[in-house]
């Protein structure tokens, strides 16, 4: 033991100021205490902010406070499948309504155009066949189908003058039995044409430069009206001259 004590006493140790050690210990404790308090305050503040955001976002009854940091509320931005489906249905309904209205407008415009076309047919045919304006009367009807268009006009107060405008000689077959007329090929004005060779009706067809074919059918009877006239007073040459007039065209929506 004496030898050990002698060795311990022989070791040189630095001088230690106990008061300084105590001061340093107390300072460290104070720093740790401040950190703990600051952390607790920050946690409380964060929890309070989250609670306020949730309360403002969900919109409690009678509350007008906005959500946290002026962000959109959860309820305002959430979209349920039912809400999305309802929105799509409303958009589809509006689209259908617009399409239906556009269809109605188009039909109305076509109707006005058809009326103007029928009137033009009357006026052009009257120039060729009724310069006095006493024999050809507008019957206010139109017919069409398969890309063709035409009308039936009253001739001599009981007879009929039918016009069919299309893209080929067969266009009038939908409205008149051309086989009964015995149509024969000919020419008029350097263009292909056809004339009837049988039956009581006068039938002619003339092709225009653009390929339009105009067929005129003159009859002493107006079948739709149940009326008739004593005689036509027309020739095939007169009808061919009228049918060859380039102003006789399809309505714009059929061209």
Protein backbone atom coordinates (compact mmCIF):
# COMPACT_ATOMS: atom_id res chain seq x y z
CA UNK A 1 0.00 0.00 0.00
CA UNK A 2 2.85 2.44 0.79
CA UNK A 3 4.30 1.97 -2.64
CA UNK A 4 0.94 2.68 -4.29
CA UNK A 5 0.41 5.78 -2.23
CA UNK A 6 3.83 6.98 -3.15
CA UNK A 7 3.09 6.49 -6.85
CA UNK A 8 -0.21 8.41 -6.61
CA UNK A 9 1.43 11.25 -4.87
CA UNK A 10 4.11 11.29 -7.54
CA UNK A 11 1.59 11.88 -10.35
CA UNK A 12 1.20 15.59 -11.22
CA UNK A 13 -2.46 16.65 -11.76
CA UNK A 14 -3.71 20.03 -12.96
CA UNK A 15 -5.18 22.42 -10.51
CA UNK A 16 -9.00 22.40 -10.58
CA UNK A 17 -11.21 25.31 -9.56
CA UNK A 18 -14.32 23.72 -8.05
CA UNK A 19 -16.33 26.97 -8.29
CA UNK A 20 -15.74 27.14 -12.04
CA UNK A 21 -16.92 23.58 -12.46
CA UNK A 22 -20.10 24.33 -10.59
CA UNK A 23 -20.78 27.45 -12.69
CA UNK A 24 -20.26 25.59 -15.95
CA UNK A 25 -22.63 22.85 -14.80
CA UNK A 26 -25.37 25.30 -13.90
CA UNK A 27 -25.02 27.10 -17.28
CA UNK A 28 -25.40 23.83 -19.17
CA UNK A 29 -28.51 22.98 -17.19
CA UNK A 30 -30.02 26.39 -17.97
CA UNK A 31 -29.38 25.93 -21.75
CA UNK A 32 -31.01 22.49 -21.70
CA UNK A 33 -34.01 23.88 -19.84
CA UNK A 34 -34.44 26.69 -22.43
CA UNK A 35 -34.29 24.18 -25.30
CA UNK A 36 -36.95 22.03 -23.65
CA UNK A 37 -39.25 25.03 -23.11
CA UNK A 38 -38.76 26.27 -26.71
CA UNK A 39 -39.52 22.82 -28.10
CA UNK A 40 -42.66 22.55 -26.02
CA UNK A 41 -43.87 25.98 -27.15
CA UNK A 42 -43.24 25.12 -30.81
CA UNK A 43 -45.15 21.87 -30.48
CA UNK A 44 -48.10 23.62 -28.88
CA UNK A 45 -48.09 26.26 -31.62
CA UNK A 46 -48.00 23.63 -34.36
CA UNK A 47 -50.89 21.72 -32.85
CA UNK A 48 -52.89 24.92 -32.48
CA UNK A 49 -52.22 25.88 -36.11
CA UNK A 50 -53.32 22.46 -37.37
CA UNK A 51 -56.49 22.62 -35.31
CA UNK A 52 -57.29 26.09 -36.65
CA UNK A 53 -56.69 24.95 -40.24
CA UNK A 54 -58.96 21.97 -39.84
CA UNK A 55 -61.66 24.03 -38.22
CA UNK A 56 -61.51 26.72 -40.93
CA UNK A 57 -61.29 24.16 -43.78
CA UNK A 58 -64.17 22.00 -42.67
CA UNK A 59 -66.29 25.04 -41.96
CA UNK A 60 -67.90 24.74 -38.54
CA UNK A 61 -71.44 26.06 -38.23
CA UNK A 62 -71.54 29.82 -38.05
CA UNK A 63 -67.80 30.21 -38.62
CA UNK A 64 -66.50 32.52 -41.31
CA UNK A 65 -62.79 32.11 -40.57
CA UNK A 66 -60.70 31.08 -43.58
CA UNK A 67 -58.57 27.97 -43.62
CA UNK A 68 -54.95 27.99 -42.51
CA UNK A 69 -52.68 30.18 -44.65
CA UNK A 70 -55.65 31.03 -46.91
CA UNK A 71 -55.55 27.57 -48.48
CA UNK A 72 -58.71 26.02 -50.06
CA UNK A 73 -60.61 23.90 -47.60
CA UNK A 74 -60.66 20.14 -47.85
CA UNK A 75 -64.40 20.15 -48.54
CA UNK A 76 -64.02 22.71 -51.34
CA UNK A 77 -61.39 20.73 -53.23
CA UNK A 78 -62.64 17.21 -52.63
CA UNK A 79 -64.60 15.67 -55.50
CA UNK A 80 -66.61 12.56 -54.86
CA UNK A 81 -67.35 10.11 -57.71
CA UNK A 82 -71.01 11.12 -57.54
CA UNK A 83 -70.14 14.81 -57.94
CA UNK A 84 -67.87 14.08 -60.91
CA UNK A 85 -70.58 11.95 -62.55
CA UNK A 86 -73.19 14.68 -62.02
CA UNK A 87 -70.87 17.31 -63.53
CA UNK A 88 -70.25 15.12 -66.58
CA UNK A 89 -73.97 14.55 -67.03
CA UNK A 90 -74.64 18.29 -66.90
CA UNK A 91 -71.90 18.96 -69.47
CA UNK A 92 -73.26 16.18 -71.73
CA UNK A 93 -76.78 17.62 -71.46
CA UNK A 94 -75.54 21.08 -72.39
CA UNK A 95 -73.67 19.63 -75.39
CA UNK A 96 -76.79 17.80 -76.57
CA UNK A 97 -78.82 20.97 -76.20
CA UNK A 98 -76.32 22.91 -78.31
CA UNK A 99 -76.28 20.19 -80.99
CA UNK A 100 -80.07 20.08 -81.10
CA UNK A 101 -80.24 23.84 -81.48
CA UNK A 102 -77.63 23.78 -84.24
CA UNK A 103 -79.62 21.06 -86.02
CA UNK A 104 -82.78 23.14 -85.76
CA UNK A 105 -81.01 26.21 -87.12
CA UNK A 106 -79.54 24.18 -90.00
CA UNK A 107 -82.96 22.76 -90.86
CA UNK A 108 -84.49 26.23 -90.76
CA UNK A 109 -81.78 27.57 -93.05
CA UNK A 110 -82.25 24.64 -95.44
CA UNK A 111 -85.99 25.28 -95.43
CA UNK A 112 -85.49 28.92 -96.38
CA UNK A 113 -83.00 27.91 -99.06
CA UNK A 114 -85.43 25.32 -100.44
CA UNK A 115 -88.18 27.92 -100.71
CA UNK A 116 -85.85 30.28 -102.55
CA UNK A 117 -84.77 27.45 -104.86
CA UNK A 118 -88.36 26.54 -105.70
CA UNK A 119 -89.13 30.18 -106.41
CA UNK A 120 -86.09 30.38 -108.70
CA UNK A 121 -87.23 27.31 -110.60
CA UNK A 122 -90.60 28.95 -111.19
CA UNK A 123 -89.08 32.23 -112.31
CA UNK A 124 -86.58 30.65 -114.73
CA UNK A 125 -89.16 28.30 -116.25
CA UNK A 126 -91.64 31.16 -116.58
CA UNK A 127 -89.09 33.14 -118.62
CA UNK A 128 -88.89 30.31 -121.14
CA UNK A 129 -92.42 28.89 -121.12
CA UNK A 130 -94.73 31.58 -119.77
CA UNK A 131 -93.45 35.05 -120.63
CA UNK A 132 -96.92 36.53 -120.04
CA UNK A 133 -97.05 35.13 -116.49
CA UNK A 134 -100.53 33.62 -116.91
CA UNK A 135 -99.98 29.86 -117.24
CA UNK A 136 -97.33 28.76 -114.70
CA UNK A 137 -98.25 28.97 -111.03
CA UNK A 138 -96.14 28.14 -108.00
CA UNK A 139 -97.74 25.20 -106.19
CA UNK A 140 -95.72 25.67 -102.95
CA UNK A 141 -94.34 22.15 -102.68
CA UNK A 142 -90.94 20.53 -102.90
CA UNK A 143 -89.60 17.03 -103.26
CA UNK A 144 -86.21 15.49 -102.81
CA UNK A 145 -84.22 12.40 -102.01
CA UNK A 146 -81.01 10.70 -103.02
CA UNK A 147 -79.29 14.02 -103.64
CA UNK A 148 -81.98 15.31 -106.00
CA UNK A 149 -84.42 18.17 -105.55
CA UNK A 150 -87.48 19.43 -107.36
CA UNK A 151 -91.05 20.70 -107.28
CA UNK A 152 -94.38 20.44 -109.07
CA UNK A 153 -95.84 23.59 -110.63
CA UNK A 154 -99.38 24.17 -111.81
CA UNK A 155 -99.60 24.53 -115.59
CA UNK A 156 -102.60 26.14 -117.24
CA UNK A 157 -104.76 25.95 -114.13
CA UNK A 158 -104.97 22.17 -113.73
CA UNK A 159 -102.02 20.62 -115.55
CA UNK A 160 -98.59 19.97 -114.09
CA UNK A 161 -95.01 20.91 -114.88
CA UNK A 162 -92.62 18.94 -112.69
CA UNK A 163 -88.92 19.72 -112.42
CA UNK A 164 -86.31 17.37 -110.95
CA UNK A 165 -82.67 18.46 -110.58
CA UNK A 166 -79.96 15.91 -109.82
CA UNK A 167 -76.55 14.55 -110.75
CA UNK A 168 -77.63 12.06 -113.37
CA UNK A 169 -80.36 11.12 -115.81
CA UNK A 170 -81.72 8.56 -113.34
CA UNK A 171 -82.31 11.17 -110.64
CA UNK A 172 -85.91 11.71 -111.77
CA UNK A 173 -86.66 7.98 -111.62
CA UNK A 174 -87.49 8.31 -107.93
CA UNK A 175 -90.39 10.61 -108.79
CA UNK A 176 -91.50 9.50 -112.23
CA UNK A 177 -91.61 6.21 -114.13
CA UNK A 178 -89.11 7.05 -116.84
CA UNK A 179 -89.43 3.59 -118.38
CA UNK A 180 -93.00 4.38 -119.42
CA UNK A 181 -91.80 7.47 -121.26
CA UNK A 182 -89.44 5.56 -123.54
CA UNK A 183 -86.55 7.99 -123.03
CA UNK A 184 -84.26 8.34 -126.06
CA UNK A 185 -80.74 9.82 -126.15
CA UNK A 186 -80.19 13.04 -128.05
CA UNK A 187 -78.20 16.27 -127.69
CA UNK A 188 -79.04 19.85 -126.94
CA UNK A 189 -76.60 22.74 -127.06
CA UNK A 190 -73.78 20.29 -127.56
CA UNK A 191 -74.58 18.40 -124.35
CA UNK A 192 -76.20 15.01 -123.80
CA UNK A 193 -79.98 15.08 -123.45
CA UNK A 194 -82.94 12.73 -123.49
CA UNK A 195 -86.55 13.01 -124.67
CA UNK A 196 -89.65 10.86 -124.24
CA UNK A 197 -90.97 8.84 -127.16
CA UNK A 198 -94.12 7.32 -125.66
CA UNK A 199 -96.97 8.21 -123.34
CA UNK A 200 -99.14 11.29 -123.10
CA UNK A 201 -96.60 13.28 -121.07
CA UNK A 202 -93.73 15.31 -122.45
CA UNK A 203 -90.49 14.42 -120.69
CA UNK A 204 -87.04 15.87 -121.38
CA UNK A 205 -83.68 15.79 -119.60
CA UNK A 206 -80.71 18.10 -120.26
CA UNK A 207 -77.20 17.91 -118.85
CA UNK A 208 -75.34 21.11 -117.93
CA UNK A 209 -71.64 21.87 -118.19
CA UNK A 210 -71.11 21.04 -114.49
CA UNK A 211 -72.85 17.66 -114.76
CA UNK A 212 -76.19 18.78 -113.34
CA UNK A 213 -79.14 17.09 -115.04
CA UNK A 214 -82.52 18.83 -115.19
CA UNK A 215 -85.62 16.80 -116.05
CA UNK A 216 -88.92 18.44 -116.94
CA UNK A 217 -92.19 16.50 -117.02
CA UNK A 218 -95.23 18.21 -118.53
CA UNK A 219 -98.62 16.56 -118.02
CA UNK A 220 -102.21 17.57 -118.62
CA UNK A 221 -103.10 16.12 -115.21
CA UNK A 222 -101.93 17.20 -111.77
CA UNK A 223 -102.28 13.93 -109.92
CA UNK A 224 -101.73 15.34 -106.44
CA UNK A 225 -104.47 17.90 -106.89
CA UNK A 226 -106.85 15.77 -108.97
CA UNK A 227 -107.04 18.50 -111.61
CA UNK A 228 -106.38 18.61 -115.34
CA UNK A 229 -106.18 20.92 -118.34
CA UNK A 230 -107.28 20.49 -121.95
CA UNK A 231 -103.85 20.76 -123.56
CA UNK A 232 -100.21 21.55 -122.79
CA UNK A 233 -99.37 23.94 -125.62
CA UNK A 234 -95.70 22.95 -125.24
CA UNK A 235 -93.07 21.25 -127.38
CA UNK A 236 -90.03 19.18 -126.43
CA UNK A 237 -87.73 21.83 -127.88
CA UNK A 238 -89.25 24.46 -125.58
CA UNK A 239 -88.81 22.17 -122.60
CA UNK A 240 -85.21 21.35 -123.58
CA UNK A 241 -84.37 25.04 -123.87
CA UNK A 242 -85.75 25.66 -120.39
CA UNK A 243 -84.08 22.56 -118.87
CA UNK A 244 -80.69 23.61 -120.28
CA UNK A 245 -80.75 26.96 -118.42
CA UNK A 246 -77.68 26.96 -116.12
CA UNK A 247 -79.59 28.84 -113.41
CA UNK A 248 -81.49 25.66 -112.62
CA UNK A 249 -79.22 24.20 -109.95
CA UNK A 250 -79.45 22.12 -106.81
CA UNK A 251 -79.82 23.97 -103.50
CA UNK A 252 -76.41 24.90 -102.04
CA UNK A 253 -76.64 22.28 -99.27
CA UNK A 254 -76.97 19.49 -101.90
CA UNK A 255 -74.19 20.60 -104.22
